[in-house]
Amino acid sequence: MKIPSLILNPSDIQTIPLIVDHLRQGECVAIPTETVYGLAADASNPKAINKIFALKGRPESRPLSVLLADKNQMQDWAVNIPEIAWRLASKFWPGPLTLIVPKAPHVSENLTAGQASIGLRVPAHPIALDILKAFAGGLAAPSANLFSQPSPQTVKEVVYYFPNELWIVDGGAASYGIASTIVDCTVSPPRILRQGALASEEIFQCV
């Protein structure tokens, strides 16, 4: 018999350590961000990454972006980071902006789908940041939905997609309800690949 998904209260003092331990064991956890709920797993663990693809039914040809606790962690995942990427990170992180930068050699191929670049973001949601700081690493975290389905904005919607055997952190409703804006910083000038929660006008002003 399948076990119902477990909804965790982040105000409980034991919750964050439990989540971090679960993630370090290679498990997935649905966490809140300011954009949508994400299905998080250890971005340095290929087996954990594969669990994301399996749970979502997501094609492995589609790369996953990585959530970080701080912009300085970009250097752990990327090399030859363009100056414009640092400028955008300083301006809009934490926030709903994903930056595409050249990936570091050690980054798992199944995380980036074999591409030479990686998407990075520092979320603005306080619970997500608490988890990331305690985890002290990057979390792959696509939206916590089944592939091609609408992105979840609430715990109820995450449970609808994953009613069994998934830990879900209750962070309330997502404030934006749409995904982050993606900017490719590997080209000059930078190019918006996906218009999302951050307005393109703000990005153009910074660039």
N, C-alpha and C. Protein backbone atom coordinates (compact mmCIF):
# COMPACT_ATOMS: atom_id res chain seq x y z
N MET A 1 0.84 -1.20 0.00
CA MET A 1 0.00 0.00 0.00
C MET A 1 0.88 1.26 0.00
N LYS A 2 0.54 2.21 -0.85
CA LYS A 2 1.33 3.43 -0.92
C LYS A 2 1.06 4.32 0.29
N ILE A 3 2.10 5.03 0.71
CA ILE A 3 2.00 5.93 1.86
C ILE A 3 1.64 7.32 1.38
N PRO A 4 0.66 7.99 1.99
CA PRO A 4 0.32 9.35 1.57
C PRO A 4 1.51 10.29 1.72
N SER A 5 1.56 11.30 0.85
CA SER A 5 2.63 12.30 0.95
C SER A 5 2.60 12.97 2.31
N LEU A 6 3.79 13.37 2.79
CA LEU A 6 3.93 13.97 4.11
C LEU A 6 4.08 15.47 3.96
N ILE A 7 3.17 16.23 4.57
CA ILE A 7 3.24 17.69 4.52
C ILE A 7 3.96 18.18 5.78
N LEU A 8 5.04 18.91 5.59
CA LEU A 8 5.88 19.35 6.70
C LEU A 8 5.64 20.82 7.03
N ASN A 9 5.63 21.12 8.32
CA ASN A 9 5.45 22.48 8.79
C ASN A 9 6.83 23.11 9.00
N PRO A 10 7.21 24.13 8.23
CA PRO A 10 8.56 24.69 8.34
C PRO A 10 8.82 25.43 9.64
N SER A 11 7.77 25.76 10.39
CA SER A 11 7.97 26.46 11.66
C SER A 11 8.42 25.51 12.77
N ASP A 12 8.28 24.21 12.54
CA ASP A 12 8.77 23.21 13.50
C ASP A 12 10.29 23.22 13.46
N ILE A 13 10.92 23.33 14.61
CA ILE A 13 12.38 23.45 14.69
C ILE A 13 13.09 22.24 14.10
N GLN A 14 12.43 21.09 14.06
CA GLN A 14 13.05 19.87 13.54
C GLN A 14 12.91 19.73 12.03
N THR A 15 12.08 20.54 11.40
CA THR A 15 11.75 20.34 9.99
C THR A 15 12.95 20.52 9.06
N ILE A 16 13.67 21.63 9.17
CA ILE A 16 14.78 21.90 8.25
C ILE A 16 15.86 20.82 8.34
N PRO A 17 16.32 20.43 9.56
CA PRO A 17 17.30 19.34 9.63
C PRO A 17 16.80 18.04 9.02
N LEU A 18 15.52 17.73 9.20
CA LEU A 18 14.95 16.52 8.61
C LEU A 18 14.99 16.58 7.09
N ILE A 19 14.63 17.74 6.54
CA ILE A 19 14.62 17.92 5.09
C ILE A 19 16.03 17.78 4.53
N VAL A 20 16.98 18.43 5.18
CA VAL A 20 18.37 18.38 4.71
C VAL A 20 18.88 16.95 4.72
N ASP A 21 18.59 16.20 5.78
CA ASP A 21 19.02 14.81 5.85
C ASP A 21 18.38 13.98 4.75
N HIS A 22 17.10 14.22 4.49
CA HIS A 22 16.36 13.52 3.44
C HIS A 22 17.00 13.79 2.07
N LEU A 23 17.34 15.06 1.82
CA LEU A 23 17.97 15.43 0.56
C LEU A 23 19.35 14.79 0.41
N ARG A 24 20.09 14.77 1.50
CA ARG A 24 21.43 14.18 1.45
C ARG A 24 21.40 12.68 1.24
N GLN A 25 20.27 12.06 1.54
CA GLN A 25 20.10 10.63 1.28
C GLN A 25 19.68 10.36 -0.17
N GLY A 26 19.59 11.43 -0.96
CA GLY A 26 19.24 11.27 -2.37
C GLY A 26 17.76 11.29 -2.66
N GLU A 27 16.95 11.77 -1.71
CA GLU A 27 15.51 11.81 -1.91
C GLU A 27 15.06 13.17 -2.46
N CYS A 28 13.84 13.21 -2.94
CA CYS A 28 13.25 14.46 -3.46
C CYS A 28 12.32 15.06 -2.41
N VAL A 29 12.26 16.38 -2.39
CA VAL A 29 11.36 17.12 -1.50
C VAL A 29 10.74 18.27 -2.27
N ALA A 30 9.44 18.44 -2.17
CA ALA A 30 8.78 19.59 -2.79
C ALA A 30 8.91 20.78 -1.85
N ILE A 31 9.49 21.86 -2.37
CA ILE A 31 9.73 23.05 -1.54
C ILE A 31 9.09 24.28 -2.17
N PRO A 32 8.71 25.25 -1.33
CA PRO A 32 8.12 26.48 -1.88
C PRO A 32 9.20 27.42 -2.38
N THR A 33 8.91 28.12 -3.46
CA THR A 33 9.71 29.27 -3.87
C THR A 33 8.74 30.41 -4.15
N GLU A 34 9.26 31.58 -4.43
CA GLU A 34 8.37 32.71 -4.70
C GLU A 34 7.68 32.60 -6.05
N THR A 35 8.21 31.74 -6.94
CA THR A 35 7.60 31.59 -8.27
C THR A 35 6.54 30.49 -8.24
N VAL A 36 7.00 29.23 -8.09
CA VAL A 36 6.10 28.08 -7.96
C VAL A 36 6.76 27.09 -7.00
N TYR A 37 6.06 26.01 -6.66
CA TYR A 37 6.68 24.96 -5.86
C TYR A 37 7.64 24.17 -6.74
N GLY A 38 8.80 23.81 -6.15
CA GLY A 38 9.81 23.07 -6.89
C GLY A 38 10.00 21.68 -6.34
N LEU A 39 10.36 20.75 -7.22
CA LEU A 39 10.67 19.38 -6.81
C LEU A 39 12.18 19.28 -6.67
N ALA A 40 12.67 19.39 -5.44
CA ALA A 40 14.10 19.57 -5.18
C ALA A 40 14.80 18.26 -4.90
N ALA A 41 16.06 18.19 -5.36
CA ALA A 41 16.94 17.06 -5.06
C ALA A 41 18.38 17.55 -5.16
N ASP A 42 19.29 16.80 -4.55
CA ASP A 42 20.71 17.14 -4.54
C ASP A 42 21.24 17.21 -5.97
N ALA A 43 21.65 18.41 -6.40
CA ALA A 43 22.11 18.60 -7.77
C ALA A 43 23.46 17.95 -8.05
N SER A 44 24.16 17.50 -7.02
CA SER A 44 25.44 16.84 -7.21
C SER A 44 25.33 15.33 -7.19
N ASN A 45 24.10 14.83 -7.05
CA ASN A 45 23.85 13.39 -6.95
C ASN A 45 23.08 12.91 -8.18
N PRO A 46 23.74 12.23 -9.13
CA PRO A 46 23.06 11.80 -10.36
C PRO A 46 21.84 10.93 -10.10
N LYS A 47 21.89 10.06 -9.08
CA LYS A 47 20.74 9.21 -8.79
C LYS A 47 19.55 10.04 -8.31
N ALA A 48 19.82 11.07 -7.51
CA ALA A 48 18.75 11.95 -7.04
C ALA A 48 18.16 12.73 -8.22
N ILE A 49 19.02 13.16 -9.12
CA ILE A 49 18.55 13.88 -10.31
C ILE A 49 17.64 12.98 -11.15
N ASN A 50 18.04 11.73 -11.29
CA ASN A 50 17.22 10.78 -12.06
C ASN A 50 15.85 10.57 -11.43
N LYS A 51 15.76 10.68 -10.09
CA LYS A 51 14.47 10.54 -9.43
C LYS A 51 13.53 11.67 -9.82
N ILE A 52 14.09 12.86 -10.02
CA ILE A 52 13.25 13.98 -10.47
C ILE A 52 12.64 13.66 -11.83
N PHE A 53 13.48 13.21 -12.76
CA PHE A 53 12.97 12.88 -14.10
C PHE A 53 11.90 11.80 -14.03
N ALA A 54 12.13 10.79 -13.18
CA ALA A 54 11.18 9.69 -13.07
C ALA A 54 9.85 10.14 -12.46
N LEU A 55 9.93 10.92 -11.38
CA LEU A 55 8.71 11.38 -10.72
C LEU A 55 7.87 12.26 -11.63
N LYS A 56 8.53 13.18 -12.35
CA LYS A 56 7.81 14.13 -13.19
C LYS A 56 7.40 13.53 -14.55
N GLY A 57 8.07 12.45 -14.95
CA GLY A 57 7.89 11.96 -16.30
C GLY A 57 8.51 12.93 -17.30
N ARG A 58 9.59 13.59 -16.87
CA ARG A 58 10.23 14.63 -17.68
C ARG A 58 11.28 13.98 -18.59
N PRO A 59 11.33 14.34 -19.86
CA PRO A 59 12.36 13.81 -20.76
C PRO A 59 13.75 14.19 -20.27
N GLU A 60 14.67 13.24 -20.31
CA GLU A 60 16.03 13.51 -19.83
C GLU A 60 16.80 14.44 -20.77
N SER A 61 16.22 14.75 -21.91
CA SER A 61 16.84 15.69 -22.84
C SER A 61 16.61 17.15 -22.42
N ARG A 62 15.80 17.35 -21.39
CA ARG A 62 15.51 18.71 -20.92
C ARG A 62 16.33 18.97 -19.66
N PRO A 63 17.26 19.94 -19.68
CA PRO A 63 18.14 20.18 -18.53
C PRO A 63 17.39 20.73 -17.33
N LEU A 64 18.00 20.59 -16.17
CA LEU A 64 17.46 21.11 -14.92
C LEU A 64 18.31 22.27 -14.45
N SER A 65 17.67 23.31 -13.92
CA SER A 65 18.41 24.41 -13.32
C SER A 65 18.67 24.10 -11.84
N VAL A 66 19.53 24.90 -11.23
CA VAL A 66 19.96 24.66 -9.86
C VAL A 66 19.69 25.87 -8.98
N LEU A 67 19.12 25.63 -7.80
CA LEU A 67 18.89 26.68 -6.82
C LEU A 67 20.09 26.78 -5.89
N LEU A 68 20.49 28.01 -5.58
CA LEU A 68 21.62 28.27 -4.70
C LEU A 68 21.19 29.16 -3.54
N ALA A 69 21.99 29.18 -2.49
CA ALA A 69 21.69 30.03 -1.34
C ALA A 69 22.25 31.43 -1.49
N ASP A 70 23.28 31.57 -2.34
CA ASP A 70 23.98 32.85 -2.44
C ASP A 70 24.62 32.97 -3.82
N LYS A 71 24.72 34.19 -4.33
CA LYS A 71 25.28 34.37 -5.68
C LYS A 71 26.73 33.89 -5.78
N ASN A 72 27.48 33.95 -4.68
CA ASN A 72 28.87 33.52 -4.72
C ASN A 72 29.02 32.03 -5.01
N GLN A 73 27.93 31.26 -4.78
CA GLN A 73 27.96 29.83 -5.08
C GLN A 73 27.94 29.55 -6.58
N MET A 74 27.73 30.57 -7.39
CA MET A 74 27.83 30.38 -8.84
C MET A 74 29.16 29.77 -9.22
N GLN A 75 30.20 30.15 -8.49
CA GLN A 75 31.54 29.67 -8.81
C GLN A 75 31.70 28.17 -8.54
N ASP A 76 30.78 27.58 -7.76
CA ASP A 76 30.83 26.14 -7.51
C ASP A 76 30.26 25.34 -8.68
N TRP A 77 29.49 26.02 -9.54
CA TRP A 77 28.76 25.33 -10.61
C TRP A 77 29.11 25.82 -12.00
N ALA A 78 29.79 26.94 -12.08
CA ALA A 78 30.05 27.55 -13.38
C ALA A 78 31.50 28.02 -13.49
N VAL A 79 31.95 28.18 -14.72
CA VAL A 79 33.29 28.71 -14.99
C VAL A 79 33.17 29.84 -16.01
N ASN A 80 34.20 30.68 -16.06
CA ASN A 80 34.23 31.79 -17.02
C ASN A 80 32.91 32.57 -17.00
N ILE A 81 32.47 32.88 -15.79
CA ILE A 81 31.18 33.56 -15.62
C ILE A 81 31.28 34.99 -16.17
N PRO A 82 30.44 35.35 -17.13
CA PRO A 82 30.49 36.69 -17.71
C PRO A 82 30.19 37.77 -16.67
N GLU A 83 30.78 38.93 -16.86
CA GLU A 83 30.56 40.04 -15.94
C GLU A 83 29.08 40.41 -15.87
N ILE A 84 28.39 40.30 -16.99
CA ILE A 84 26.97 40.67 -17.00
C ILE A 84 26.15 39.73 -16.12
N ALA A 85 26.59 38.47 -16.00
CA ALA A 85 25.88 37.54 -15.13
C ALA A 85 26.03 37.96 -13.68
N TRP A 86 27.23 38.39 -13.28
CA TRP A 86 27.43 38.89 -11.92
C TRP A 86 26.60 40.14 -11.68
N ARG A 87 26.50 40.98 -12.69
CA ARG A 87 25.73 42.22 -12.53
C ARG A 87 24.24 41.91 -12.34
N LEU A 88 23.73 41.00 -13.16
CA LEU A 88 22.32 40.62 -13.04
C LEU A 88 22.05 39.92 -11.71
N ALA A 89 22.98 39.07 -11.28
CA ALA A 89 22.81 38.37 -10.00
C ALA A 89 22.80 39.36 -8.84
N SER A 90 23.68 40.34 -8.89
CA SER A 90 23.74 41.35 -7.83
C SER A 90 22.46 42.18 -7.77
N LYS A 91 21.87 42.41 -8.93
CA LYS A 91 20.68 43.25 -9.01
C LYS A 91 19.40 42.49 -8.63
N PHE A 92 19.28 41.24 -9.09
CA PHE A 92 17.98 40.56 -9.02
C PHE A 92 17.94 39.32 -8.12
N TRP A 93 19.06 38.92 -7.57
CA TRP A 93 19.05 37.78 -6.63
C TRP A 93 19.10 38.24 -5.19
N PRO A 94 18.40 37.63 -4.28
CA PRO A 94 17.42 36.57 -4.51
C PRO A 94 16.22 37.10 -5.31
N GLY A 95 15.71 36.27 -6.20
CA GLY A 95 14.58 36.69 -7.01
C GLY A 95 14.29 35.74 -8.15
N PRO A 96 13.25 36.07 -8.94
CA PRO A 96 12.74 35.15 -9.97
C PRO A 96 13.50 35.24 -11.30
N LEU A 97 14.82 35.13 -11.24
CA LEU A 97 15.66 35.20 -12.44
C LEU A 97 16.61 34.01 -12.47
N THR A 98 16.58 33.24 -13.56
CA THR A 98 17.52 32.15 -13.78
C THR A 98 18.54 32.59 -14.81
N LEU A 99 19.81 32.43 -14.49
CA LEU A 99 20.90 32.82 -15.39
C LEU A 99 21.54 31.58 -16.00
N ILE A 100 21.72 31.60 -17.31
CA ILE A 100 22.41 30.53 -18.01
C ILE A 100 23.87 30.94 -18.18
N VAL A 101 24.77 30.14 -17.64
CA VAL A 101 26.20 30.43 -17.65
C VAL A 101 26.97 29.15 -18.02
N PRO A 102 28.26 29.25 -18.41
CA PRO A 102 29.03 28.05 -18.73
C PRO A 102 29.20 27.15 -17.51
N LYS A 103 28.92 25.87 -17.67
CA LYS A 103 28.96 24.96 -16.52
C LYS A 103 30.39 24.55 -16.19
N ALA A 104 30.61 24.22 -14.92
CA ALA A 104 31.90 23.70 -14.48
C ALA A 104 32.06 22.26 -14.96
N PRO A 105 33.30 21.80 -15.16
CA PRO A 105 33.53 20.45 -15.70
C PRO A 105 32.94 19.32 -14.85
N HIS A 106 32.87 19.53 -13.53
CA HIS A 106 32.41 18.44 -12.66
C HIS A 106 30.91 18.28 -12.64
N VAL A 107 30.16 19.21 -13.21
CA VAL A 107 28.69 19.16 -13.16
C VAL A 107 28.18 17.96 -13.94
N SER A 108 27.26 17.23 -13.32
CA SER A 108 26.73 16.00 -13.91
C SER A 108 26.08 16.24 -15.27
N GLU A 109 26.35 15.33 -16.22
CA GLU A 109 25.79 15.44 -17.56
C GLU A 109 24.27 15.29 -17.54
N ASN A 110 23.74 14.46 -16.63
CA ASN A 110 22.29 14.28 -16.62
C ASN A 110 21.57 15.48 -16.04
N LEU A 111 22.29 16.36 -15.36
CA LEU A 111 21.70 17.60 -14.86
C LEU A 111 21.51 18.60 -15.99
N THR A 112 22.49 18.67 -16.89
CA THR A 112 22.48 19.67 -17.97
C THR A 112 22.08 19.09 -19.32
N ALA A 113 21.70 17.80 -19.34
CA ALA A 113 21.33 17.13 -20.59
C ALA A 113 22.45 17.22 -21.62
N GLY A 114 23.69 17.15 -21.13
CA GLY A 114 24.83 17.16 -22.02
C GLY A 114 25.22 18.52 -22.56
N GLN A 115 24.53 19.57 -22.15
CA GLN A 115 24.85 20.90 -22.64
C GLN A 115 26.06 21.47 -21.91
N ALA A 116 26.68 22.48 -22.50
CA ALA A 116 27.87 23.10 -21.94
C ALA A 116 27.53 24.23 -20.97
N SER A 117 26.26 24.45 -20.73
CA SER A 117 25.82 25.54 -19.86
C SER A 117 24.91 25.00 -18.77
N ILE A 118 24.65 25.86 -17.77
CA ILE A 118 23.80 25.47 -16.64
C ILE A 118 22.97 26.68 -16.20
N GLY A 119 21.75 26.42 -15.75
CA GLY A 119 20.89 27.47 -15.23
C GLY A 119 20.99 27.55 -13.72
N LEU A 120 21.19 28.77 -13.20
CA LEU A 120 21.36 28.97 -11.77
C LEU A 120 20.41 30.06 -11.28
N ARG A 121 19.96 29.91 -10.03
CA ARG A 121 19.06 30.92 -9.45
C ARG A 121 19.17 30.90 -7.93
N VAL A 122 19.03 32.07 -7.32
CA VAL A 122 18.88 32.19 -5.87
C VAL A 122 17.44 32.63 -5.61
N PRO A 123 16.60 31.76 -5.04
CA PRO A 123 15.19 32.11 -4.84
C PRO A 123 15.01 33.11 -3.70
N ALA A 124 13.89 33.81 -3.72
CA ALA A 124 13.63 34.83 -2.71
C ALA A 124 12.77 34.31 -1.55
N HIS A 125 12.25 33.10 -1.66
CA HIS A 125 11.38 32.58 -0.60
C HIS A 125 12.22 32.25 0.64
N PRO A 126 11.84 32.75 1.82
CA PRO A 126 12.67 32.54 3.01
C PRO A 126 12.83 31.07 3.40
N ILE A 127 11.80 30.26 3.18
CA ILE A 127 11.92 28.84 3.53
C ILE A 127 12.88 28.13 2.59
N ALA A 128 12.78 28.43 1.31
CA ALA A 128 13.72 27.85 0.35
C ALA A 128 15.14 28.23 0.69
N LEU A 129 15.35 29.48 1.06
CA LEU A 129 16.70 29.94 1.42
C LEU A 129 17.20 29.26 2.69
N ASP A 130 16.32 29.08 3.67
CA ASP A 130 16.72 28.37 4.90
C ASP A 130 17.18 26.95 4.58
N ILE A 131 16.44 26.27 3.70
CA ILE A 131 16.80 24.91 3.32
C ILE A 131 18.13 24.89 2.58
N LEU A 132 18.30 25.82 1.64
CA LEU A 132 19.53 25.87 0.85
C LEU A 132 20.74 26.19 1.72
N LYS A 133 20.58 27.11 2.66
CA LYS A 133 21.70 27.45 3.54
C LYS A 133 22.09 26.28 4.42
N ALA A 134 21.09 25.57 4.93
CA ALA A 134 21.38 24.42 5.78
C ALA A 134 21.95 23.26 4.97
N PHE A 135 21.50 23.11 3.74
CA PHE A 135 21.98 22.04 2.87
C PHE A 135 23.41 22.31 2.41
N ALA A 136 23.74 23.59 2.25
CA ALA A 136 25.10 24.00 1.87
C ALA A 136 25.53 23.41 0.52
N GLY A 137 24.61 23.44 -0.41
CA GLY A 137 24.90 22.94 -1.76
C GLY A 137 23.80 23.37 -2.70
N GLY A 138 23.88 22.91 -3.94
CA GLY A 138 22.85 23.26 -4.93
C GLY A 138 21.75 22.23 -4.99
N LEU A 139 20.54 22.68 -5.26
CA LEU A 139 19.39 21.80 -5.40
C LEU A 139 18.79 21.95 -6.79
N ALA A 140 18.74 20.86 -7.53
CA ALA A 140 17.97 20.85 -8.77
C ALA A 140 16.50 20.94 -8.37
N ALA A 141 15.76 21.85 -8.99
CA ALA A 141 14.38 22.05 -8.51
C ALA A 141 13.46 22.56 -9.61
N PRO A 142 13.11 21.70 -10.56
CA PRO A 142 12.08 22.09 -11.53
C PRO A 142 10.73 22.17 -10.82
N SER A 143 9.73 22.66 -11.50
CA SER A 143 8.42 22.78 -10.88
C SER A 143 7.90 21.41 -10.45
N ALA A 144 7.19 21.39 -9.32
CA ALA A 144 6.72 20.14 -8.70
C ALA A 144 5.40 19.70 -9.31
N ASN A 145 5.46 19.41 -10.61
CA ASN A 145 4.28 18.94 -11.34
C ASN A 145 4.67 17.78 -12.23
N LEU A 146 3.69 17.14 -12.83
CA LEU A 146 3.97 16.17 -13.87
C LEU A 146 4.32 16.93 -15.15
N PHE A 147 5.18 16.35 -15.95
CA PHE A 147 5.67 17.03 -17.14
C PHE A 147 4.52 17.52 -18.03
N SER A 148 4.64 18.77 -18.46
CA SER A 148 3.69 19.46 -19.36
C SER A 148 2.40 19.91 -18.67
N GLN A 149 2.28 19.65 -17.36
CA GLN A 149 1.11 20.10 -16.62
C GLN A 149 1.37 21.47 -15.98
N PRO A 150 0.31 22.20 -15.58
CA PRO A 150 0.50 23.52 -14.97
C PRO A 150 1.35 23.46 -13.71
N SER A 151 2.18 24.48 -13.51
CA SER A 151 3.06 24.53 -12.34
C SER A 151 2.24 24.78 -11.08
N PRO A 152 2.57 24.11 -9.98
CA PRO A 152 1.78 24.24 -8.75
C PRO A 152 2.13 25.50 -7.97
N GLN A 153 1.10 26.15 -7.47
CA GLN A 153 1.28 27.36 -6.66
C GLN A 153 1.00 27.11 -5.19
N THR A 154 0.42 25.97 -4.86
CA THR A 154 0.04 25.66 -3.47
C THR A 154 0.39 24.21 -3.15
N VAL A 155 0.41 23.89 -1.86
CA VAL A 155 0.64 22.52 -1.42
C VAL A 155 -0.45 21.60 -1.97
N LYS A 156 -1.69 22.07 -1.97
CA LYS A 156 -2.80 21.25 -2.47
C LYS A 156 -2.55 20.80 -3.90
N GLU A 157 -2.01 21.68 -4.72
CA GLU A 157 -1.74 21.34 -6.11
C GLU A 157 -0.58 20.34 -6.22
N VAL A 158 0.43 20.47 -5.34
CA VAL A 158 1.53 19.50 -5.35
C VAL A 158 1.01 18.12 -4.97
N VAL A 159 0.15 18.05 -3.94
CA VAL A 159 -0.41 16.77 -3.51
C VAL A 159 -1.23 16.14 -4.64
N TYR A 160 -1.90 16.98 -5.42
CA TYR A 160 -2.68 16.47 -6.56
C TYR A 160 -1.78 15.70 -7.53
N TYR A 161 -0.59 16.25 -7.79
CA TYR A 161 0.34 15.59 -8.71
C TYR A 161 1.06 14.41 -8.05
N PHE A 162 1.38 14.57 -6.77
CA PHE A 162 2.17 13.55 -6.07
C PHE A 162 1.47 13.17 -4.76
N PRO A 163 0.41 12.39 -4.83
CA PRO A 163 -0.35 12.07 -3.62
C PRO A 163 0.34 11.06 -2.72
N ASN A 164 1.38 10.41 -3.24
CA ASN A 164 2.00 9.33 -2.46
C ASN A 164 3.51 9.51 -2.30
N GLU A 165 3.97 9.30 -1.05
CA GLU A 165 5.39 9.10 -0.75
C GLU A 165 6.31 10.27 -1.13
N LEU A 166 5.83 11.49 -1.03
CA LEU A 166 6.69 12.65 -1.28
C LEU A 166 6.59 13.60 -0.10
N TRP A 167 7.73 14.09 0.37
CA TRP A 167 7.73 15.13 1.39
C TRP A 167 7.45 16.48 0.73
N ILE A 168 6.53 17.22 1.34
CA ILE A 168 6.14 18.52 0.80
C ILE A 168 6.22 19.55 1.93
N VAL A 169 6.96 20.62 1.71
CA VAL A 169 7.11 21.67 2.71
C VAL A 169 6.07 22.75 2.46
N ASP A 170 5.25 23.02 3.46
CA ASP A 170 4.15 23.99 3.31
C ASP A 170 4.68 25.41 3.52
N GLY A 171 4.79 26.15 2.43
CA GLY A 171 5.25 27.53 2.51
C GLY A 171 4.20 28.53 2.09
N GLY A 172 2.93 28.09 2.08
CA GLY A 172 1.87 28.98 1.63
C GLY A 172 1.84 29.07 0.11
N ALA A 173 0.98 29.92 -0.40
CA ALA A 173 0.85 30.08 -1.85
C ALA A 173 2.04 30.86 -2.41
N ALA A 174 2.49 30.45 -3.59
CA ALA A 174 3.58 31.17 -4.26
C ALA A 174 3.13 32.58 -4.61
N SER A 175 3.99 33.55 -4.39
CA SER A 175 3.59 34.95 -4.59
C SER A 175 3.46 35.34 -6.05
N TYR A 176 4.25 34.71 -6.93
CA TYR A 176 4.16 35.03 -8.37
C TYR A 176 3.23 34.08 -9.11
N GLY A 177 3.40 32.79 -8.89
CA GLY A 177 2.55 31.83 -9.56
C GLY A 177 2.98 31.50 -10.98
N ILE A 178 4.08 32.06 -11.43
CA ILE A 178 4.65 31.71 -12.74
C ILE A 178 6.15 31.50 -12.56
N ALA A 179 6.75 30.83 -13.52
CA ALA A 179 8.16 30.47 -13.41
C ALA A 179 9.07 31.69 -13.53
N SER A 180 10.34 31.47 -13.21
CA SER A 180 11.33 32.54 -13.29
C SER A 180 11.61 32.91 -14.74
N THR A 181 12.07 34.12 -14.94
CA THR A 181 12.57 34.55 -16.25
C THR A 181 13.96 33.95 -16.45
N ILE A 182 14.22 33.45 -17.65
CA ILE A 182 15.53 32.84 -17.95
C ILE A 182 16.29 33.75 -18.91
N VAL A 183 17.53 34.07 -18.53
CA VAL A 183 18.40 34.90 -19.38
C VAL A 183 19.68 34.13 -19.69
N ASP A 184 19.98 34.01 -20.98
CA ASP A 184 21.19 33.33 -21.43
C ASP A 184 22.35 34.32 -21.43
N CYS A 185 23.29 34.10 -20.50
CA CYS A 185 24.46 34.98 -20.40
C CYS A 185 25.67 34.40 -21.12
N THR A 186 25.49 33.31 -21.86
CA THR A 186 26.60 32.75 -22.61
C THR A 186 26.74 33.40 -23.98
N VAL A 187 25.79 34.28 -24.32
CA VAL A 187 25.86 35.01 -25.59
C VAL A 187 25.93 36.50 -25.28
N SER A 188 26.41 37.27 -26.24
CA SER A 188 26.51 38.71 -26.07
C SER A 188 25.86 39.42 -27.27
N PRO A 189 24.84 40.25 -26.99
CA PRO A 189 24.28 40.57 -25.68
C PRO A 189 23.46 39.41 -25.12
N PRO A 190 23.20 39.41 -23.81
CA PRO A 190 22.39 38.35 -23.20
C PRO A 190 21.02 38.27 -23.86
N ARG A 191 20.43 37.08 -23.84
CA ARG A 191 19.16 36.85 -24.52
C ARG A 191 18.15 36.25 -23.56
N ILE A 192 16.94 36.76 -23.57
CA ILE A 192 15.87 36.19 -22.75
C ILE A 192 15.33 34.94 -23.43
N LEU A 193 15.47 33.79 -22.76
CA LEU A 193 15.00 32.53 -23.30
C LEU A 193 13.56 32.23 -22.89
N ARG A 194 13.17 32.73 -21.72
CA ARG A 194 11.80 32.53 -21.25
C ARG A 194 11.37 33.75 -20.46
N GLN A 195 10.28 34.35 -20.88
CA GLN A 195 9.73 35.46 -20.11
C GLN A 195 8.94 34.89 -18.94
N GLY A 196 9.28 35.32 -17.74
CA GLY A 196 8.61 34.80 -16.56
C GLY A 196 8.26 35.91 -15.60
N ALA A 197 8.50 35.67 -14.31
CA ALA A 197 8.04 36.59 -13.27
C ALA A 197 8.77 37.93 -13.28
N LEU A 198 10.01 37.96 -13.76
CA LEU A 198 10.77 39.21 -13.80
C LEU A 198 10.58 39.87 -15.16
N ALA A 199 10.13 41.12 -15.17
CA ALA A 199 9.83 41.82 -16.41
C ALA A 199 11.09 42.06 -17.24
N SER A 200 10.95 41.91 -18.56
CA SER A 200 12.09 42.09 -19.45
C SER A 200 12.62 43.52 -19.40
N GLU A 201 11.73 44.48 -19.13
CA GLU A 201 12.16 45.88 -19.07
C GLU A 201 13.20 46.10 -17.97
N GLU A 202 13.00 45.44 -16.83
CA GLU A 202 13.95 45.56 -15.73
C GLU A 202 15.32 44.99 -16.11
N ILE A 203 15.29 43.88 -16.84
CA ILE A 203 16.54 43.26 -17.27
C ILE A 203 17.26 44.16 -18.28
N PHE A 204 16.52 44.71 -19.23
CA PHE A 204 17.14 45.59 -20.24
C PHE A 204 17.78 46.80 -19.60
N GLN A 205 17.13 47.35 -18.57
CA GLN A 205 17.70 48.51 -17.89
C GLN A 205 19.01 48.17 -17.23
N CYS A 206 19.11 46.96 -16.66
CA CYS A 206 20.34 46.55 -15.99
C CYS A 206 21.43 46.27 -17.01
N VAL A 207 21.08 45.63 -18.12
CA VAL A 207 22.06 45.31 -19.15
C VAL A 207 22.56 46.57 -19.83
